[in-house]
Amino acid sequence: MGLYFNTLRLTRKNRDDGKGQMFGHLFKNGWWHKGLDTVLILTGRCNLHCDYCPMFLDNNKYPKFEESTLEEWKEFFERFPEWISQIFISGGEPSLIPYVSDLANWLVERGHHVCILSNLYKVENLMGLKKHWRLVAFPTFHHSDDPERYKKAYEQLKTTGVRIYSQELEKKHKFQFSVHKNFYPADWFKYWNEIIHFAPNAPRTRRMYMGVYETYKEGK
C-alpha cells in the first residue's frame, strides 16, 4: 500500500526525551518512522470451506477461538505499545461479526489505514462502513460460492461509496468488475508469511503471531 505520511509517528525514544528538534533532524536521525502492518483476524468462522485456505492446512478443521467484543478491541488498540499504520481485517469471514463496520470506522478515525478482506456473506454487516480515503474493501469471490449471491452483495456494498476492489483467484473471471488475486501455495503460508497477526482472542491473551499459519494453528 506504500508509505502513508499521515501515519508516520515518533518513536518512543524521541517521544520520551523531550527534545524539540526540527523536522529535518528528526528524519535524518531516523526518529520518524512508519508504523506496523498487521492482520486482525476477527473470527475463525466462515461460510465456505475452500481447500486452498490456510485455515485448513493442518487438520481440515476450522480454528476455534473465543471472539472478542468491540469494546475489547478498542481497548486493545488504545493500549498497544507501537503505532500501527495499516490493519487488514480478515477471518474466517469478518462479515459474520455484527460490529465489523463500527470497528473499521473507529480504526480509520484513529488514523489507521484499514483494508477489509471478505466474501461479503453477511454484507448487511458491512453496510455501516463510512467512505474514507484510508478505508478500502477487498471482497473476494471464491468459485465454491454462489455467483449470483456474490454479485448482489457486491452491488449492495457499492451503495456505501466505499472504495472496492473485487478479486477472484481464477484467471478466467465470472465478473468483469473483478481482478485476479494471487494464489499462494501452502508453503508460503507456513514459511514465508511474516506479517504480524492478531487472533480473535488477542484482547484477552495479549498475544500476537508471526504469520497466518501460526495464528490459525493456535486455535486448533
Protein backbone atom coordinates (compact mmCIF):
# COMPACT_ATOMS: atom_id res chain seq x y z
CA MET A 1 0.00 0.00 0.00
CA GLY A 2 3.01 2.28 0.18
CA LEU A 3 4.12 4.90 2.65
CA TYR A 4 1.34 6.91 4.29
CA PHE A 5 2.64 10.21 5.58
CA ASN A 6 -0.30 10.67 7.91
CA THR A 7 0.69 7.51 9.77
CA LEU A 8 4.29 8.48 10.48
CA ARG A 9 4.86 8.61 14.22
CA LEU A 10 7.69 9.49 16.59
CA THR A 11 9.44 6.51 18.13
CA ARG A 12 9.06 6.09 21.86
CA LYS A 13 12.67 7.17 22.39
CA ASN A 14 12.01 10.53 20.82
CA ARG A 15 8.62 10.97 22.44
CA ASP A 16 10.16 10.48 25.86
CA ASP A 17 13.35 12.53 25.57
CA GLY A 18 11.55 15.86 25.31
CA LYS A 19 13.88 17.29 22.69
CA GLY A 20 12.04 19.67 20.41
CA GLN A 21 14.26 19.28 17.37
CA MET A 22 13.44 20.43 13.87
CA PHE A 23 11.81 18.05 11.39
CA GLY A 24 14.98 17.81 9.32
CA HIS A 25 16.90 16.44 12.27
CA LEU A 26 14.14 14.01 13.12
CA PHE A 27 14.10 12.46 9.65
CA LYS A 28 17.89 12.48 9.44
CA ASN A 29 18.25 10.65 12.73
CA GLY A 30 15.54 8.14 11.84
CA TRP A 31 13.30 9.21 14.69
CA TRP A 32 10.24 9.35 12.46
CA HIS A 33 9.02 6.01 11.21
CA LYS A 34 6.11 4.27 9.56
CA GLY A 35 4.10 2.06 11.86
CA LEU A 36 3.42 -1.66 11.68
CA ASP A 37 1.41 -3.58 9.09
CA THR A 38 -0.85 -6.08 10.85
CA VAL A 39 -3.71 -8.51 10.20
CA LEU A 40 -6.66 -8.63 12.56
CA ILE A 41 -8.46 -11.99 12.40
CA LEU A 42 -11.88 -11.27 13.83
CA THR A 43 -13.16 -14.85 13.71
CA GLY A 44 -12.25 -18.37 12.72
CA ARG A 45 -15.77 -18.98 11.45
CA CYS A 46 -16.57 -18.94 7.73
CA ASN A 47 -19.46 -19.84 5.47
CA LEU A 48 -17.09 -21.51 2.98
CA HIS A 49 -14.54 -24.31 3.19
CA CYS A 50 -12.06 -23.53 0.37
CA ASP A 51 -9.38 -26.21 0.06
CA TYR A 52 -6.68 -23.57 -0.55
CA CYS A 53 -7.48 -21.59 2.60
CA PRO A 54 -4.64 -21.58 5.18
CA MET A 55 -7.20 -22.28 7.92
CA PHE A 56 -7.26 -25.91 6.82
CA LEU A 57 -3.54 -26.63 6.32
CA ASP A 58 -3.22 -28.99 9.30
CA ASN A 59 -6.34 -30.99 10.03
CA ASN A 60 -9.03 -29.63 7.71
CA LYS A 61 -10.88 -28.08 10.65
CA TYR A 62 -11.87 -24.52 11.42
CA PRO A 63 -9.82 -22.93 14.21
CA LYS A 64 -11.87 -22.38 17.34
CA PHE A 65 -11.27 -19.07 19.06
CA GLU A 66 -13.17 -17.12 21.66
CA GLU A 67 -14.22 -13.97 19.82
CA SER A 68 -13.75 -10.56 21.41
CA THR A 69 -16.19 -7.69 21.75
CA LEU A 70 -15.96 -4.32 20.06
CA GLU A 71 -15.02 -2.64 23.34
CA GLU A 72 -12.27 -5.19 23.95
CA TRP A 73 -10.75 -4.46 20.54
CA LYS A 74 -10.89 -0.72 21.15
CA GLU A 75 -9.09 -1.07 24.47
CA PHE A 76 -6.57 -3.42 22.85
CA PHE A 77 -5.58 -0.92 20.16
CA GLU A 78 -5.60 2.04 22.53
CA ARG A 79 -3.11 0.22 24.79
CA PHE A 80 -0.97 -1.32 22.02
CA PRO A 81 2.59 -0.04 22.60
CA GLU A 82 3.52 0.65 18.96
CA TRP A 83 1.79 2.63 16.23
CA ILE A 84 0.05 0.53 13.55
CA SER A 85 -0.14 2.16 10.13
CA GLN A 86 -2.21 -0.43 8.31
CA ILE A 87 -4.68 -3.05 9.54
CA PHE A 88 -6.13 -5.82 7.38
CA ILE A 89 -9.43 -7.05 8.84
CA SER A 90 -9.78 -10.72 7.99
CA GLY A 91 -11.07 -14.06 9.24
CA GLY A 92 -12.58 -16.60 8.76
CA GLU A 93 -15.25 -14.38 7.35
CA PRO A 94 -15.28 -10.96 9.11
CA SER A 95 -18.76 -10.03 7.87
CA LEU A 96 -20.10 -12.65 10.31
CA ILE A 97 -19.19 -10.21 13.11
CA PRO A 98 -22.05 -7.72 13.61
CA TYR A 99 -19.78 -4.86 14.79
CA VAL A 100 -17.25 -5.12 11.92
CA SER A 101 -18.32 -1.77 10.41
CA ASP A 102 -18.15 0.02 13.75
CA LEU A 103 -14.66 -1.34 14.39
CA ALA A 104 -13.39 -0.42 10.90
CA ASN A 105 -14.78 3.12 11.14
CA TRP A 106 -13.29 3.59 14.60
CA LEU A 107 -9.85 2.44 13.43
CA VAL A 108 -9.98 4.81 10.46
CA GLU A 109 -10.93 7.71 12.73
CA ARG A 110 -7.85 6.92 14.87
CA GLY A 111 -5.65 7.38 11.80
CA HIS A 112 -5.07 3.78 10.72
CA HIS A 113 -5.39 2.56 7.14
CA VAL A 114 -7.95 -0.25 7.08
CA CYS A 115 -8.39 -2.96 4.43
CA ILE A 116 -11.31 -5.38 4.77
CA LEU A 117 -10.96 -8.88 3.28
CA SER A 118 -14.36 -10.54 2.89
CA ASN A 119 -16.51 -12.79 0.73
CA LEU A 120 -19.49 -10.50 1.57
CA TYR A 121 -21.51 -13.34 3.07
CA LYS A 122 -23.25 -11.06 5.58
CA VAL A 123 -22.98 -7.88 3.55
CA GLU A 124 -25.58 -6.24 5.78
CA ASN A 125 -22.91 -6.06 8.49
CA LEU A 126 -20.69 -4.06 6.13
CA MET A 127 -23.30 -1.50 5.16
CA GLY A 128 -22.35 0.76 8.05
CA LEU A 129 -18.89 1.41 6.58
CA LYS A 130 -18.19 5.11 6.09
CA LYS A 131 -16.47 6.31 2.94
CA HIS A 132 -12.92 7.43 3.71
CA TRP A 133 -9.68 7.59 1.77
CA ARG A 134 -7.99 5.40 4.41
CA LEU A 135 -10.59 2.63 4.04
CA VAL A 136 -10.78 0.08 1.23
CA ALA A 137 -12.68 -3.19 0.82
CA PHE A 138 -11.15 -6.18 -0.95
CA PRO A 139 -14.04 -8.62 -1.44
CA THR A 140 -13.08 -11.96 -2.97
CA PHE A 141 -15.28 -14.27 -4.99
CA HIS A 142 -14.42 -17.93 -4.40
CA HIS A 143 -15.65 -20.33 -7.04
CA SER A 144 -17.24 -22.58 -4.45
CA ASP A 145 -19.57 -19.66 -3.68
CA ASP A 146 -22.84 -18.68 -5.37
CA PRO A 147 -22.02 -16.11 -8.10
CA GLU A 148 -25.48 -14.55 -8.06
CA ARG A 149 -25.33 -14.08 -4.29
CA TYR A 150 -21.86 -12.53 -4.52
CA LYS A 151 -22.82 -10.17 -7.35
CA LYS A 152 -25.89 -8.98 -5.45
CA ALA A 153 -23.83 -8.40 -2.30
CA TYR A 154 -21.15 -6.56 -4.29
CA GLU A 155 -23.73 -4.21 -5.82
CA GLN A 156 -25.20 -3.61 -2.37
CA LEU A 157 -21.81 -2.73 -0.89
CA LYS A 158 -21.17 -0.27 -3.72
CA THR A 159 -24.03 1.89 -2.45
CA THR A 160 -21.93 2.80 0.62
CA GLY A 161 -19.47 4.71 -1.58
CA VAL A 162 -16.53 2.83 -0.03
CA ARG A 163 -13.63 2.02 -2.38
CA ILE A 164 -13.98 -1.58 -3.54
CA TYR A 165 -11.53 -3.83 -5.39
CA SER A 166 -13.22 -7.14 -6.12
CA GLN A 167 -10.92 -10.12 -6.60
CA GLU A 168 -11.05 -13.69 -7.92
CA LEU A 169 -8.47 -16.42 -7.66
CA GLU A 170 -9.29 -17.81 -11.10
CA LYS A 171 -7.82 -16.01 -14.09
CA LYS A 172 -10.97 -16.76 -16.09
CA HIS A 173 -13.30 -14.43 -14.23
CA LYS A 174 -17.02 -14.69 -13.75
CA PHE A 175 -17.30 -10.92 -13.25
CA GLN A 176 -15.92 -8.08 -15.32
CA PHE A 177 -15.60 -5.94 -12.20
CA SER A 178 -13.10 -8.36 -10.58
CA VAL A 179 -9.32 -8.51 -10.87
CA HIS A 180 -7.05 -11.53 -10.48
CA LYS A 181 -5.93 -12.35 -6.96
CA ASN A 182 -2.60 -14.11 -6.44
CA PHE A 183 -2.75 -17.73 -5.40
CA TYR A 184 -0.29 -18.61 -2.64
CA PRO A 185 0.84 -22.22 -2.09
CA ALA A 186 0.66 -23.84 1.34
CA ASP A 187 4.42 -23.45 1.88
CA TRP A 188 4.09 -19.68 1.59
CA PHE A 189 1.58 -19.58 4.42
CA LYS A 190 3.74 -21.85 6.57
CA TYR A 191 7.19 -20.40 6.00
CA TRP A 192 7.09 -17.02 4.26
CA ASN A 193 4.09 -15.13 5.61
CA GLU A 194 5.77 -12.92 8.23
CA ILE A 195 3.27 -10.16 8.85
CA ILE A 196 2.05 -9.72 12.44
CA HIS A 197 -1.36 -11.31 13.10
CA PHE A 198 -3.82 -10.85 15.96
CA ALA A 199 -6.10 -13.81 16.74
CA PRO A 200 -9.78 -13.26 17.64
CA ASN A 201 -8.92 -13.55 21.34
CA ALA A 202 -5.91 -11.20 21.26
CA PRO A 203 -7.50 -8.56 23.54
CA ARG A 204 -7.68 -11.25 26.24
CA THR A 205 -4.45 -13.15 25.65
CA ARG A 206 -2.34 -10.09 24.67
CA ARG A 207 -0.59 -12.39 22.17
CA MET A 208 0.38 -11.80 18.57
CA TYR A 209 1.74 -14.20 15.96
CA MET A 210 4.18 -14.06 13.08
CA GLY A 211 2.16 -15.17 10.08
CA VAL A 212 -1.31 -16.50 9.41
CA TYR A 213 -0.35 -20.17 9.77
CA GLU A 214 0.91 -19.74 13.34
CA THR A 215 -2.24 -17.82 14.22
CA TYR A 216 -4.68 -20.43 12.92
CA LYS A 217 -2.61 -23.26 14.45
CA GLU A 218 -3.09 -21.74 17.89
CA GLY A 219 -6.84 -22.13 17.52
CA LYS A 220 -6.79 -25.82 16.53
